[in-house]
Structure formats: structure tokens, C-alpha cells
Amino acid sequence: MKTVTKKELVHRIADKTGVTKVVAKEVIQHFLNAIIDELSEGNRLEFREFGVFESRERAARLAQNPRTLEKVPVPAKRIVKFKVGRLMRKKVSGEDVGDLTLDDHDDDDEGALPAPKSRKSKADDRGPSAKQVEGQA
């Protein structure tokens, strides 16, 4: 496994896009800074098909020092969570991604994030309840 640095990404993106390395580096750095700024403000970042970044509160807990077995209090803190998007998950696992891409047309809503999808309950699969049927009669 090879480690790819920001410098290497700058070279690749500059070559693919035809911009200078200075411009590519500046854009990448601004992008990374924007992600950090948004997460530090408690915002959630969603990049369709790529993934979702969000910061969460990790509760305070009591840990154990493995050398001394002494109990040590660990304070609460904010952490960053990343949930992998569909395209990345499929591509990394070697599945066929078909016509899935990370094109710009997915972000036509100019920064508005959709509400998180609600999970369908098992009751939804069973059809209408008796009360719902009575109300229709």
C-alpha cells in the first residue's frame, strides 16, 4: 500500500485540469480548511456518493492504563466521524460502479443539505393500521 501525500495530489490534479500547481494547491488547501471550519462549528458536510463528515460529542469515560491497570478519567471531547458514501464503498470493495460518478450535477441546490432520510419502520411494511382503515370508511 502506497501513501499519497497532498503534494502528490496537487501534481495529479494540476496535470489533469491544466491549472498550475500553485493554483491546485491553493484550491485543495482552501477546500480542506473549509471542511475543518465547518466541522469545528458543528456543521455536517455531505458529499453525495462520496460520504458524510460530522462532528460528534464523545462522552466522558473511565479508561484503564494498560501498563499499571490504573483507572484514568478521560474527559468528553468532540470527534469527527466519516460515513462512507455509496460510490466510494463500492469502488474500494472492488464492486462494479456502473455509471456512478462524483459529477457536479448532484449539487444543484447550492449548498442546501437535505434532511436526513428517515428509516422506514416495520409497521410501514405491514400496510395501514386498523385505525387508518376505519378513518377512511
Protein backbone atom coordinates (compact mmCIF):
# COMPACT_ATOMS: atom_id res chain seq x y z
CA MET A 1 0.00 0.00 0.00
CA LYS A 2 1.31 3.41 -1.00
CA THR A 3 0.86 6.64 0.93
CA VAL A 4 -0.27 9.52 -1.27
CA THR A 5 0.58 12.99 0.04
CA LYS A 6 -1.15 16.29 -0.59
CA LYS A 7 1.82 17.25 -2.78
CA GLU A 8 1.25 14.21 -4.99
CA LEU A 9 -2.47 15.02 -5.27
CA VAL A 10 -1.61 18.60 -6.21
CA HIS A 11 0.63 17.32 -9.04
CA ARG A 12 -2.05 14.90 -10.31
CA ILE A 13 -4.86 17.46 -10.20
CA ALA A 14 -2.73 20.15 -11.84
CA ASP A 15 -1.85 17.72 -14.65
CA LYS A 16 -5.47 16.62 -15.18
CA THR A 17 -7.02 20.08 -15.06
CA GLY A 18 -4.32 22.10 -16.77
CA VAL A 19 -4.01 24.61 -13.91
CA THR A 20 -0.72 25.44 -12.29
CA LYS A 21 0.44 23.50 -9.24
CA VAL A 22 0.23 26.70 -7.19
CA VAL A 23 -3.46 27.15 -8.07
CA ALA A 24 -4.25 23.47 -7.48
CA LYS A 25 -2.52 23.56 -4.09
CA GLU A 26 -4.38 26.71 -3.11
CA VAL A 27 -7.76 25.24 -4.07
CA ILE A 28 -7.09 21.97 -2.22
CA GLN A 29 -5.92 23.84 0.88
CA HIS A 30 -8.98 26.11 0.85
CA PHE A 31 -11.21 23.05 0.48
CA LEU A 32 -9.56 21.28 3.42
CA ASN A 33 -9.69 24.44 5.55
CA ALA A 34 -13.41 24.84 4.74
CA ILE A 35 -14.09 21.27 5.90
CA ILE A 36 -12.24 21.90 9.16
CA ASP A 37 -14.05 25.22 9.72
CA GLU A 38 -17.48 23.71 9.13
CA LEU A 39 -16.82 20.73 11.41
CA SER A 40 -15.47 23.00 14.16
CA GLU A 41 -18.75 24.95 14.00
CA GLY A 42 -20.69 21.71 14.48
CA ASN A 43 -21.94 21.52 10.88
CA ARG A 44 -22.40 18.34 8.88
CA LEU A 45 -20.85 18.08 5.40
CA GLU A 46 -22.45 15.80 2.84
CA PHE A 47 -20.77 14.99 -0.44
CA ARG A 48 -23.18 12.81 -2.41
CA GLU A 49 -21.81 9.37 -3.32
CA PHE A 50 -18.53 10.24 -1.53
CA GLY A 51 -19.52 10.43 2.13
CA VAL A 52 -20.61 12.49 5.11
CA PHE A 53 -18.40 14.26 7.66
CA GLU A 54 -19.87 15.21 11.02
CA SER A 55 -18.56 16.06 14.45
CA ARG A 56 -19.99 14.28 17.47
CA GLU A 57 -19.60 14.50 21.21
CA ARG A 58 -17.77 11.57 22.78
CA ALA A 59 -18.92 11.07 26.36
CA ALA A 60 -16.53 11.19 29.29
CA ARG A 61 -15.46 7.73 30.40
CA LEU A 62 -13.18 5.84 32.70
CA ALA A 63 -10.29 4.13 30.87
CA GLN A 64 -7.55 1.85 32.11
CA ASN A 65 -3.80 2.33 31.74
CA PRO A 66 -2.63 -1.00 30.23
CA ARG A 67 0.77 -0.88 31.98
CA THR A 68 -0.34 -0.02 35.51
CA LEU A 69 -4.01 -1.12 35.26
CA GLU A 70 -4.82 2.17 36.97
CA LYS A 71 -8.23 3.69 36.17
CA VAL A 72 -7.87 7.03 34.39
CA PRO A 73 -10.71 9.51 33.72
CA VAL A 74 -10.99 10.56 30.07
CA PRO A 75 -12.89 13.84 29.56
CA ALA A 76 -15.65 14.32 26.99
CA LYS A 77 -14.50 15.63 23.64
CA ARG A 78 -15.68 16.30 20.11
CA ILE A 79 -14.59 13.86 17.41
CA VAL A 80 -15.02 13.70 13.64
CA LYS A 81 -16.98 10.83 12.13
CA PHE A 82 -16.96 9.93 8.44
CA LYS A 83 -19.62 7.75 6.86
CA VAL A 84 -18.57 6.35 3.50
CA GLY A 85 -20.79 7.11 0.52
CA ARG A 86 -22.13 4.55 -1.93
CA LEU A 87 -19.67 5.19 -4.78
CA MET A 88 -16.61 5.11 -2.52
CA ARG A 89 -17.79 1.97 -0.72
CA LYS A 90 -18.39 0.12 -3.98
CA LYS A 91 -15.20 1.29 -5.66
CA VAL A 92 -12.97 0.44 -2.67
CA SER A 93 -14.55 -3.01 -2.29
CA GLY A 94 -13.98 -3.73 -5.97
CA GLU A 95 -17.67 -3.80 -6.93
CA ASP A 96 -18.86 -2.61 -10.33
CA VAL A 97 -19.84 1.06 -10.01
CA GLY A 98 -21.55 1.23 -13.38
CA ASP A 99 -22.37 4.82 -14.29
CA LEU A 100 -21.95 6.22 -10.77
CA THR A 101 -19.72 9.29 -10.70
CA LEU A 102 -19.00 12.25 -8.46
CA ASP A 103 -20.19 14.80 -11.02
CA ASP A 104 -21.22 18.33 -10.08
CA HIS A 105 -24.83 17.86 -11.20
CA ASP A 106 -25.67 16.31 -7.81
CA ASP A 107 -25.11 19.65 -6.06
CA ASP A 108 -27.56 21.85 -7.99
CA ASP A 109 -29.23 23.01 -4.76
CA GLU A 110 -26.38 25.45 -3.97
CA GLY A 111 -25.28 24.26 -0.55
CA ALA A 112 -28.65 23.28 0.88
CA LEU A 113 -28.39 19.98 2.70
CA PRO A 114 -31.39 17.68 2.55
CA ALA A 115 -32.95 16.46 5.75
CA PRO A 116 -31.56 13.10 6.81
CA LYS A 117 -33.65 10.25 5.46
CA SER A 118 -35.95 8.71 7.99
CA ARG A 119 -35.78 4.99 8.43
CA LYS A 120 -38.82 3.06 7.38
CA SER A 121 -40.33 1.23 10.32
CA LYS A 122 -41.52 -2.36 10.20
CA ALA A 123 -45.07 -1.09 10.70
CA ASP A 124 -44.83 0.69 7.32
CA ASP A 125 -44.24 -2.67 5.62
CA ARG A 126 -47.40 -4.23 7.11
CA GLY A 127 -49.81 -1.81 5.49
CA PRO A 128 -52.34 0.53 7.12
CA SER A 129 -53.38 0.01 10.71
CA ALA A 130 -56.95 -0.73 11.76
CA LYS A 131 -57.37 2.89 12.90
CA GLN A 132 -56.22 4.19 9.50
CA VAL A 133 -58.66 1.90 7.70
CA GLU A 134 -61.54 2.99 9.98
CA GLY A 135 -60.79 6.62 9.24
CA GLN A 136 -61.12 6.01 5.50
CA ALA A 137 -64.52 4.31 5.76
